[in-house]
Amino acid sequence: MRIQNRLESQDTKMKKIEGDKQLRSWWAAAAKLPPSRRTRVVSGARGLYARLHESGAHQWLLRFQFSGRARVLVLGRWPELSLVEARRIATAARVELDQGIDPAETRRRRIEEDAARRLERTNTVGSAAREWMAREFVGQRSATTSIRAVTRHIVEPLGMRPLNALTQAELREWLAERVAAAGPAAAQRALRYLRRLYRDAQAQRRVTYDPTLGLRPQDAGGPLRSRDRVLDDHELRQLFSAMHASERFARENMIAVELLLLTCARKMELLAAPSKEFDLATGLWEIPAERMKMGGGHVVPLTPRARKLIEELKILGGGSEMLFPTRRIPKGRRRASHMGNDTLNRALSDLIAEDRLAPFTVHDLRRTARTILAREGVNPMIAELCLGHTIKGVAGVYDRHDYLEKRREALEKLGEHIETLWRA
């Protein structure tokens, strides 16, 4: 009580600030006073003061006593905090004091809660994923493929969600969407990436719990079966006939199917290829390491039929830098991008349903091409090199020859077989 009485007696000796005009005058006058005299009591709320700090900041102070100790609480700065608001906050603090609550502790908790909410808004799945990818995939041969998968399946659908707000129910819905959009294999791979992301976030103290715990493969389409689907010659003829007859199956999609068979390439190795990778004079397609699944560069010999199809694509593309440019350039993107990851999938799914063909996937075309190579008597090692696979074991370590001419001969055999089926 003695401390409080002393503070109040000091207040009565000062000329109190009553309104905004007097406050502005005092701020100007205080700049000429020594630091010890740059504090002035404000009327309308007991213990409220205006102070000109040495740094030049115009501060509101609340002086009070709690548990026998004199305390000073900085309420805020003027003009961000007006005189009216400063009085309101000081009065509310006095009410807390009458209830035995320390207003300084209340303010500290409020500041911590506000900081936590701000962190929550910035601590999103997208921001955490980008930081994690920068650390996780550096130097990996499959970095480009992994980053593309995380971006497509995690950042794009979940990126704006706070890390600590995701629930298992939301993630089950997300997995169901991934299964529908890309299949069980892609959904389960996305779940594995998300688990690794949350383990990293826990290590970085960014999350308090992991919502991926308890999620099972059944939530992402169930156990995966090894695919063995191969289209026989009769099915290929049916497919080619259906593509020619369909009015909705675009010419670009038709060429994509044939080139996937003629080159043994993976879908996005072809569909995301810039035109500059194809040298029609030498008949070679050079795929850089960053676009290959296994990280090493790959050179594909082009058959005469493949070269004709690529020439046609360049005409259809109207000078685009991409071999398969998108039909619609996304808003804000100046450079033409390539055909989407799902475009050919959807087109083939519609064709299969329309013509009642036996179901197959785009990747089954690559397996079909490999099977035709075997049937044509191509050496297994040469056939694997045509697919961009590496030679296994000790032979792969010491044998660095690219077998380019052998692969050209093998793909020409494959091309002749495919062309026969087209003519039929």
Protein backbone atom coordinates (compact mmCIF):
# COMPACT_ATOMS: atom_id res chain seq x y z
CA MET A 1 0.00 0.00 0.00
CA ARG A 2 2.86 2.38 0.80
CA ILE A 3 4.28 1.91 -2.72
CA GLN A 4 0.88 2.47 -4.32
CA ASN A 5 0.23 5.58 -2.22
CA ARG A 6 3.64 6.96 -3.17
CA LEU A 7 2.92 6.43 -6.87
CA GLU A 8 -0.48 8.14 -6.55
CA SER A 9 1.03 11.09 -4.65
CA GLN A 10 3.61 11.54 -7.41
CA ASP A 11 0.77 11.53 -9.96
CA THR A 12 -0.98 14.45 -8.24
CA LYS A 13 2.13 16.62 -8.59
CA MET A 14 2.14 16.21 -12.37
CA LYS A 15 -0.09 18.12 -14.74
CA LYS A 16 -2.22 15.37 -16.26
CA ILE A 17 -2.79 14.91 -19.97
CA GLU A 18 -6.52 15.30 -20.61
CA GLY A 19 -6.98 15.03 -24.40
CA ASP A 20 -5.35 14.50 -27.81
CA LYS A 21 -4.39 18.15 -28.33
CA GLN A 22 -2.61 18.31 -24.98
CA LEU A 23 -0.99 14.91 -25.70
CA ARG A 24 0.49 16.09 -29.01
CA SER A 25 1.82 19.25 -27.39
CA TRP A 26 3.44 17.26 -24.65
CA TRP A 27 5.13 14.82 -27.09
CA ALA A 28 6.74 17.83 -28.81
CA ALA A 29 7.82 19.40 -25.50
CA ALA A 30 9.13 16.12 -24.06
CA ALA A 31 11.76 15.85 -26.78
CA LYS A 32 13.55 18.85 -25.17
CA LEU A 33 13.43 17.39 -21.65
CA PRO A 34 16.02 15.12 -20.00
CA PRO A 35 15.11 11.37 -20.08
CA SER A 36 14.13 11.38 -16.38
CA ARG A 37 11.31 13.89 -17.07
CA ARG A 38 9.87 12.40 -20.24
CA THR A 39 6.97 10.63 -18.49
CA ARG A 40 3.58 12.25 -17.89
CA VAL A 41 0.46 10.93 -16.16
CA VAL A 42 -2.73 10.60 -18.23
CA SER A 43 -6.20 11.23 -16.83
CA GLY A 44 -9.10 8.85 -17.19
CA ALA A 45 -7.38 5.64 -16.03
CA ARG A 46 -5.47 5.21 -12.78
CA GLY A 47 -1.77 4.52 -13.31
CA LEU A 48 -1.73 5.34 -17.06
CA TYR A 49 1.28 7.31 -18.32
CA ALA A 50 2.64 8.63 -21.61
CA ARG A 51 6.41 8.26 -22.07
CA LEU A 52 8.82 9.42 -24.74
CA HIS A 53 11.44 6.68 -24.86
CA GLU A 54 15.11 7.39 -25.56
CA SER A 55 14.67 5.61 -28.89
CA GLY A 56 12.02 8.18 -29.87
CA ALA A 57 9.11 5.78 -29.39
CA HIS A 58 5.89 7.24 -27.97
CA GLN A 59 4.78 4.70 -25.36
CA TRP A 60 1.81 4.06 -23.10
CA LEU A 61 2.76 2.74 -19.62
CA LEU A 62 0.63 1.30 -16.86
CA ARG A 63 2.11 1.54 -13.36
CA PHE A 64 0.57 -0.74 -10.75
CA GLN A 65 1.31 -2.85 -7.70
CA PHE A 66 0.93 -6.63 -7.59
CA SER A 67 1.93 -8.96 -4.74
CA GLY A 68 3.63 -6.07 -2.93
CA ARG A 69 5.82 -5.14 -5.88
CA ALA A 70 5.68 -2.05 -8.09
CA ARG A 71 5.26 -3.08 -11.75
CA VAL A 72 5.33 -1.23 -15.06
CA LEU A 73 3.57 -2.62 -18.14
CA VAL A 74 4.08 -1.24 -21.66
CA LEU A 75 0.62 -1.22 -23.27
CA GLY A 76 1.67 -0.12 -26.75
CA ARG A 77 2.78 2.78 -28.90
CA TRP A 78 1.12 5.97 -29.97
CA PRO A 79 -0.32 6.70 -32.55
CA GLU A 80 -0.94 3.00 -33.36
CA LEU A 81 -2.67 2.84 -29.95
CA SER A 82 -4.85 5.93 -29.47
CA LEU A 83 -5.48 7.74 -26.21
CA VAL A 84 -9.00 6.29 -26.02
CA GLU A 85 -7.75 2.72 -26.56
CA ALA A 86 -4.93 3.17 -24.04
CA ARG A 87 -7.46 4.27 -21.40
CA ARG A 88 -9.70 1.28 -22.23
CA ILE A 89 -6.84 -1.23 -21.91
CA ALA A 90 -5.60 0.39 -18.67
CA THR A 91 -9.12 0.26 -17.19
CA ALA A 92 -9.47 -3.42 -18.14
CA ALA A 93 -6.10 -4.13 -16.47
CA ARG A 94 -7.34 -2.42 -13.28
CA VAL A 95 -10.38 -4.72 -13.31
CA GLU A 96 -8.04 -7.73 -13.49
CA LEU A 97 -6.01 -6.34 -10.58
CA ASP A 98 -9.18 -6.04 -8.49
CA GLN A 99 -9.80 -9.73 -9.24
CA GLY A 100 -6.27 -10.70 -8.13
CA ILE A 101 -5.00 -11.26 -11.69
CA ASP A 102 -1.62 -9.96 -12.84
CA PRO A 103 -2.26 -7.97 -16.09
CA ALA A 104 1.39 -8.40 -17.08
CA GLU A 105 0.94 -12.20 -17.03
CA THR A 106 -2.30 -11.87 -19.00
CA ARG A 107 -0.53 -9.77 -21.62
CA ARG A 108 2.38 -12.21 -21.83
CA ARG A 109 -0.01 -15.12 -22.47
CA ARG A 110 -1.89 -13.09 -25.08
CA ILE A 111 1.35 -12.23 -26.89
CA GLU A 112 2.38 -15.91 -26.88
CA GLU A 113 -1.03 -16.96 -28.19
CA ASP A 114 -0.88 -14.33 -30.96
CA ALA A 115 2.61 -15.49 -31.90
CA ALA A 116 1.40 -19.11 -31.96
CA ARG A 117 -1.49 -18.14 -34.25
CA ARG A 118 0.86 -16.25 -36.57
CA LEU A 119 3.20 -19.24 -36.66
CA GLU A 120 0.25 -21.51 -37.39
CA ARG A 121 -0.67 -19.40 -40.40
CA THR A 122 2.86 -19.65 -41.81
CA ASN A 123 3.59 -23.19 -40.57
CA THR A 124 1.75 -24.81 -43.45
CA VAL A 125 2.18 -28.14 -45.19
CA GLY A 126 3.47 -26.28 -48.26
CA SER A 127 6.17 -24.28 -46.46
CA ALA A 128 7.31 -27.31 -44.47
CA ALA A 129 7.38 -29.47 -47.62
CA ARG A 130 9.51 -27.00 -49.56
CA GLU A 131 12.05 -26.74 -46.74
CA TRP A 132 12.08 -30.52 -46.29
CA MET A 133 12.56 -31.20 -50.02
CA ALA A 134 15.49 -28.78 -50.14
CA ARG A 135 17.24 -30.87 -47.47
CA GLU A 136 15.93 -34.34 -48.27
CA PHE A 137 16.48 -34.70 -52.00
CA VAL A 138 19.70 -32.77 -52.53
CA GLY A 139 22.17 -34.85 -54.52
CA GLN A 140 19.74 -37.73 -55.15
CA ARG A 141 19.53 -39.14 -58.66
CA SER A 142 15.74 -39.26 -58.53
CA ALA A 143 15.37 -35.78 -56.98
CA THR A 144 13.40 -34.32 -59.89
CA THR A 145 10.89 -37.18 -59.88
CA SER A 146 10.49 -37.05 -56.10
CA ILE A 147 10.02 -33.27 -56.01
CA ARG A 148 7.47 -33.49 -58.81
CA ALA A 149 5.52 -36.20 -56.94
CA VAL A 150 5.55 -34.30 -53.61
CA THR A 151 4.48 -31.08 -55.34
CA ARG A 152 1.64 -32.73 -57.23
CA HIS A 153 0.25 -35.02 -54.55
CA ILE A 154 1.01 -33.07 -51.32
CA VAL A 155 1.80 -29.39 -51.90
CA GLU A 156 -0.93 -28.70 -54.46
CA PRO A 157 -3.88 -30.30 -52.57
CA LEU A 158 -2.69 -29.72 -48.96
CA GLY A 159 -0.16 -26.88 -49.17
CA MET A 160 -2.29 -24.17 -47.51
CA ARG A 161 -3.34 -26.32 -44.55
CA PRO A 162 -1.56 -25.71 -41.20
CA LEU A 163 0.66 -28.63 -40.23
CA ASN A 164 -0.95 -28.93 -36.80
CA ALA A 165 -4.51 -28.75 -38.13
CA LEU A 166 -4.61 -31.80 -40.43
CA THR A 167 -6.70 -34.70 -39.13
CA GLN A 168 -6.73 -38.38 -40.03
CA ALA A 169 -10.25 -37.98 -41.44
CA GLU A 170 -8.98 -35.27 -43.83
CA LEU A 171 -6.02 -37.41 -44.84
CA ARG A 172 -8.25 -40.39 -45.59
CA GLU A 173 -10.31 -38.18 -47.92
CA TRP A 174 -7.08 -36.90 -49.48
CA LEU A 175 -5.86 -40.48 -50.05
CA ALA A 176 -9.17 -41.45 -51.65
CA GLU A 177 -8.79 -38.51 -54.03
CA ARG A 178 -5.21 -39.56 -54.83
CA VAL A 179 -6.35 -43.13 -55.57
CA ALA A 180 -9.07 -41.83 -57.90
CA ALA A 181 -6.73 -39.38 -59.65
CA ALA A 182 -3.50 -41.36 -59.94
CA GLY A 183 -4.07 -44.90 -58.64
CA PRO A 184 -3.11 -46.83 -55.47
CA ALA A 185 0.63 -46.89 -56.20
CA ALA A 186 0.84 -43.08 -56.44
CA ALA A 187 -1.41 -42.66 -53.37
CA GLN A 188 0.74 -44.96 -51.23
CA ARG A 189 3.92 -43.26 -52.42
CA ALA A 190 2.38 -39.90 -51.49
CA LEU A 191 1.53 -41.26 -48.02
CA ARG A 192 5.13 -42.40 -47.54
CA TYR A 193 6.38 -38.94 -48.49
CA LEU A 194 3.90 -37.29 -46.11
CA ARG A 195 5.05 -39.53 -43.24
CA ARG A 196 8.66 -38.56 -43.88
CA LEU A 197 7.62 -34.90 -44.00
CA TYR A 198 5.91 -35.13 -40.60
CA ARG A 199 8.89 -36.95 -39.05
CA ASP A 200 11.10 -34.11 -40.26
CA ALA A 201 8.62 -31.53 -38.94
CA GLN A 202 8.69 -33.20 -35.52
CA ALA A 203 12.48 -33.09 -35.52
CA GLN A 204 12.25 -29.36 -36.38
CA ARG A 205 9.68 -28.86 -33.56
CA ARG A 206 7.11 -27.61 -36.06
CA VAL A 207 4.33 -30.02 -35.04
CA THR A 208 2.95 -31.43 -31.82
CA TYR A 209 1.52 -34.63 -33.31
CA ASP A 210 1.65 -36.76 -36.46
CA PRO A 211 -1.74 -37.37 -38.15
CA THR A 212 -0.26 -40.00 -40.49
CA LEU A 213 0.11 -42.45 -37.59
CA GLY A 214 -2.57 -45.10 -37.89
CA LEU A 215 -3.08 -44.67 -41.62
CA ARG A 216 -2.68 -47.98 -43.47
CA PRO A 217 -2.18 -49.10 -47.10
CA GLN A 218 -5.89 -49.99 -47.11
CA ASP A 219 -6.61 -46.26 -46.78
CA ALA A 220 -4.65 -45.70 -50.01
CA GLY A 221 -6.17 -48.35 -52.24
CA GLY A 222 -5.08 -51.55 -50.50
CA PRO A 223 -2.17 -53.94 -51.23
CA LEU A 224 -0.43 -53.39 -54.56
CA ARG A 225 -0.18 -56.19 -57.07
CA SER A 226 2.73 -56.53 -59.47
CA ARG A 227 1.42 -55.63 -62.92
CA ASP A 228 1.91 -58.07 -65.77
CA ARG A 229 -0.51 -56.62 -68.33
CA VAL A 230 0.77 -56.86 -71.90
CA LEU A 231 -1.27 -56.04 -75.00
CA ASP A 232 -1.08 -58.79 -77.63
CA ASP A 233 -1.07 -58.05 -81.35
CA HIS A 234 -4.84 -58.42 -81.63
CA GLU A 235 -5.39 -55.92 -78.81
CA LEU A 236 -2.92 -53.48 -80.38
CA ARG A 237 -4.78 -53.66 -83.69
CA GLN A 238 -8.04 -53.02 -81.84
CA LEU A 239 -6.47 -50.05 -80.08
CA PHE A 240 -5.08 -48.54 -83.29
CA SER A 241 -8.42 -49.03 -85.06
CA ALA A 242 -10.34 -47.42 -82.16
CA MET A 243 -7.98 -44.40 -82.11
CA HIS A 244 -8.42 -43.85 -85.86
CA ALA A 245 -12.20 -44.18 -85.67
CA SER A 246 -12.72 -41.96 -82.63
CA GLU A 247 -13.65 -38.34 -83.26
CA ARG A 248 -12.67 -37.34 -79.71
CA PHE A 249 -9.20 -38.95 -79.54
CA ALA A 250 -6.85 -36.13 -80.55
CA ARG A 251 -4.12 -36.62 -83.12
CA GLU A 252 -1.49 -35.63 -80.52
CA ASN A 253 -2.71 -38.44 -78.25
CA MET A 254 -2.56 -40.91 -81.13
CA ILE A 255 1.05 -39.93 -81.89
CA ALA A 256 1.93 -40.14 -78.17
CA VAL A 257 0.71 -43.76 -78.00
CA GLU A 258 2.70 -44.76 -81.06
CA LEU A 259 5.87 -42.97 -79.92
CA LEU A 260 5.69 -44.57 -76.48
CA LEU A 261 5.73 -47.94 -78.21
CA LEU A 262 8.44 -46.99 -80.73
CA THR A 263 10.84 -45.47 -78.15
CA CYS A 264 10.07 -47.62 -75.03
CA ALA A 265 10.01 -44.34 -73.09
CA ARG A 266 8.19 -43.60 -69.88
CA LYS A 267 5.11 -41.41 -70.29
CA MET A 268 6.41 -38.12 -68.89
CA GLU A 269 9.87 -38.58 -70.40
CA LEU A 270 8.07 -38.19 -73.73
CA LEU A 271 5.21 -35.82 -72.90
CA ALA A 272 7.42 -33.35 -70.99
CA ALA A 273 10.20 -33.35 -73.61
CA PRO A 274 11.37 -30.03 -75.10
CA SER A 275 11.62 -30.11 -78.90
CA LYS A 276 15.34 -29.28 -78.71
CA GLU A 277 16.10 -32.76 -77.32
CA PHE A 278 15.27 -34.33 -80.71
CA ASP A 279 17.93 -34.24 -83.45
CA LEU A 280 16.15 -35.48 -86.54
CA ALA A 281 19.29 -35.16 -88.68
CA THR A 282 21.14 -37.79 -86.62
CA GLY A 283 17.98 -39.61 -85.57
CA LEU A 284 18.71 -39.30 -81.85
CA TRP A 285 16.68 -38.20 -78.84
CA GLU A 286 18.93 -37.15 -75.94
CA ILE A 287 17.16 -37.16 -72.56
CA PRO A 288 19.16 -35.31 -69.85
CA ALA A 289 19.83 -36.95 -66.51
CA GLU A 290 17.49 -34.65 -64.57
CA ARG A 291 14.51 -35.91 -66.58
CA MET A 292 15.28 -39.62 -66.22
CA LYS A 293 13.78 -41.66 -63.40
CA MET A 294 17.11 -43.22 -62.43
CA GLY A 295 19.11 -40.03 -62.84
CA GLY A 296 21.43 -40.97 -65.73
CA GLY A 297 21.14 -39.48 -69.20
CA HIS A 298 19.70 -41.63 -71.98
CA VAL A 299 20.01 -41.53 -75.79
CA VAL A 300 17.15 -43.05 -77.79
CA PRO A 301 17.71 -43.98 -81.46
CA LEU A 302 14.74 -42.81 -83.53
CA THR A 303 13.28 -45.04 -86.23
CA PRO A 304 12.24 -43.44 -89.54
CA ARG A 305 8.59 -43.69 -88.46
CA ALA A 306 9.37 -41.98 -85.12
CA ARG A 307 11.12 -39.13 -86.95
CA LYS A 308 8.10 -38.56 -89.20
CA LEU A 309 5.80 -38.43 -86.17
CA ILE A 310 8.07 -35.91 -84.41
CA GLU A 311 8.14 -33.71 -87.53
CA GLU A 312 4.34 -33.79 -87.54
CA LEU A 313 4.22 -32.85 -83.84
CA LYS A 314 6.45 -29.84 -84.42
CA ILE A 315 4.03 -28.63 -87.10
CA LEU A 316 1.02 -29.25 -84.84
CA GLY A 317 2.80 -27.41 -82.01
CA GLY A 318 3.14 -24.25 -84.08
CA GLY A 319 6.76 -23.63 -83.13
CA SER A 320 6.32 -24.41 -79.42
CA GLU A 321 9.42 -25.18 -77.40
CA MET A 322 7.66 -28.32 -76.10
CA LEU A 323 7.05 -31.40 -78.25
CA PHE A 324 3.62 -31.87 -76.64
CA PRO A 325 2.55 -28.34 -75.64
CA THR A 326 -0.52 -27.91 -73.50
CA ARG A 327 -3.60 -26.77 -75.36
CA ARG A 328 -4.20 -24.11 -72.68
CA ILE A 329 -1.38 -22.00 -71.22
CA PRO A 330 -2.05 -21.46 -67.47
CA LYS A 331 -2.83 -17.86 -66.49
CA GLY A 332 0.30 -15.93 -65.58
CA ARG A 333 2.68 -18.40 -67.26
CA ARG A 334 4.45 -16.89 -70.24
CA ARG A 335 6.24 -19.96 -71.54
CA ALA A 336 4.20 -22.80 -73.02
CA SER A 337 4.12 -25.84 -70.76
CA HIS A 338 3.83 -29.50 -71.74
CA MET A 339 0.84 -31.80 -71.87
CA GLY A 340 -0.50 -32.66 -68.42
CA ASN A 341 0.32 -35.82 -66.52
CA ASP A 342 -3.28 -37.09 -66.70
CA THR A 343 -4.25 -35.93 -70.20
CA LEU A 344 -3.29 -39.14 -72.02
CA ASN A 345 -4.59 -41.29 -69.14
CA ARG A 346 -8.05 -39.72 -69.38
CA ALA A 347 -8.12 -39.90 -73.16
CA LEU A 348 -7.28 -43.61 -73.14
CA SER A 349 -9.77 -44.31 -70.33
CA ASP A 350 -12.53 -42.66 -72.38
CA LEU A 351 -11.49 -44.60 -75.49
CA ILE A 352 -11.45 -47.90 -73.60
CA ALA A 353 -14.94 -47.25 -72.25
CA GLU A 354 -16.24 -46.04 -75.62
CA ASP A 355 -14.95 -49.02 -77.61
CA ARG A 356 -15.17 -51.63 -74.83
CA LEU A 357 -11.47 -52.46 -75.02
CA ALA A 358 -9.80 -54.55 -72.33
CA PRO A 359 -8.53 -52.10 -69.67
CA PHE A 360 -4.83 -51.19 -69.63
CA THR A 361 -2.64 -48.31 -68.41
CA VAL A 362 -0.19 -46.10 -70.27
CA HIS A 363 2.73 -47.86 -68.57
CA ASP A 364 1.47 -51.20 -69.94
CA LEU A 365 2.52 -49.90 -73.39
CA ARG A 366 6.15 -49.84 -72.22
CA ARG A 367 5.85 -53.44 -70.96
CA THR A 368 4.23 -54.39 -74.27
CA ALA A 369 7.15 -52.86 -76.23
CA ARG A 370 9.65 -54.78 -74.08
CA THR A 371 7.75 -58.02 -74.72
CA ILE A 372 7.75 -57.43 -78.49
CA LEU A 373 11.53 -56.89 -78.38
CA ALA A 374 11.92 -60.26 -76.67
CA ARG A 375 9.61 -61.91 -79.21
CA GLU A 376 11.68 -60.42 -82.06
CA GLY A 377 14.77 -62.13 -80.66
CA VAL A 378 16.53 -59.04 -79.30
CA ASN A 379 19.27 -59.76 -76.78
CA PRO A 380 17.83 -59.23 -73.24
CA MET A 381 20.62 -56.83 -72.27
CA ILE A 382 20.05 -54.72 -75.41
CA ALA A 383 16.30 -54.75 -74.76
CA GLU A 384 16.84 -53.49 -71.20
CA LEU A 385 19.13 -50.74 -72.47
CA CYS A 386 16.39 -49.72 -74.94
CA LEU A 387 14.16 -49.08 -71.91
CA GLY A 388 16.82 -46.90 -70.28
CA HIS A 389 17.63 -49.52 -67.64
CA THR A 390 21.20 -50.01 -66.46
CA ILE A 391 23.17 -53.23 -66.74
CA LYS A 392 23.09 -55.02 -63.38
CA GLY A 393 25.95 -56.44 -61.37
CA VAL A 394 29.67 -56.47 -62.20
CA ALA A 395 28.99 -56.21 -65.94
CA GLY A 396 27.32 -52.86 -65.36
CA VAL A 397 30.34 -51.59 -63.45
CA TYR A 398 32.89 -52.45 -66.14
CA ASP A 399 30.88 -52.35 -69.36
CA ARG A 400 30.29 -48.65 -70.13
CA HIS A 401 29.56 -49.10 -73.85
CA ASP A 402 26.23 -47.58 -74.93
CA TYR A 403 25.47 -50.20 -77.66
CA LEU A 404 23.83 -47.43 -79.68
CA GLU A 405 23.84 -49.24 -83.02
CA LYS A 406 22.59 -52.46 -81.44
CA ARG A 407 19.77 -50.51 -79.82
CA ARG A 408 18.96 -48.79 -83.12
CA GLU A 409 18.65 -52.20 -84.79
CA ALA A 410 16.44 -53.46 -81.95
CA LEU A 411 14.10 -50.45 -82.10
CA GLU A 412 13.88 -50.74 -85.89
CA LYS A 413 12.68 -54.33 -85.46
CA LEU A 414 10.14 -53.09 -82.94
CA GLY A 415 9.12 -50.28 -85.31
CA GLU A 416 8.59 -52.65 -88.22
CA HIS A 417 6.32 -54.82 -86.07
CA ILE A 418 4.30 -51.82 -84.86
CA GLU A 419 4.00 -50.45 -88.41
CA THR A 420 2.68 -53.82 -89.60
CA LEU A 421 -0.02 -53.67 -86.94
CA TRP A 422 -0.89 -50.07 -87.92
CA ARG A 423 -1.33 -51.07 -91.57
CA ALA A 424 -3.51 -54.01 -90.53
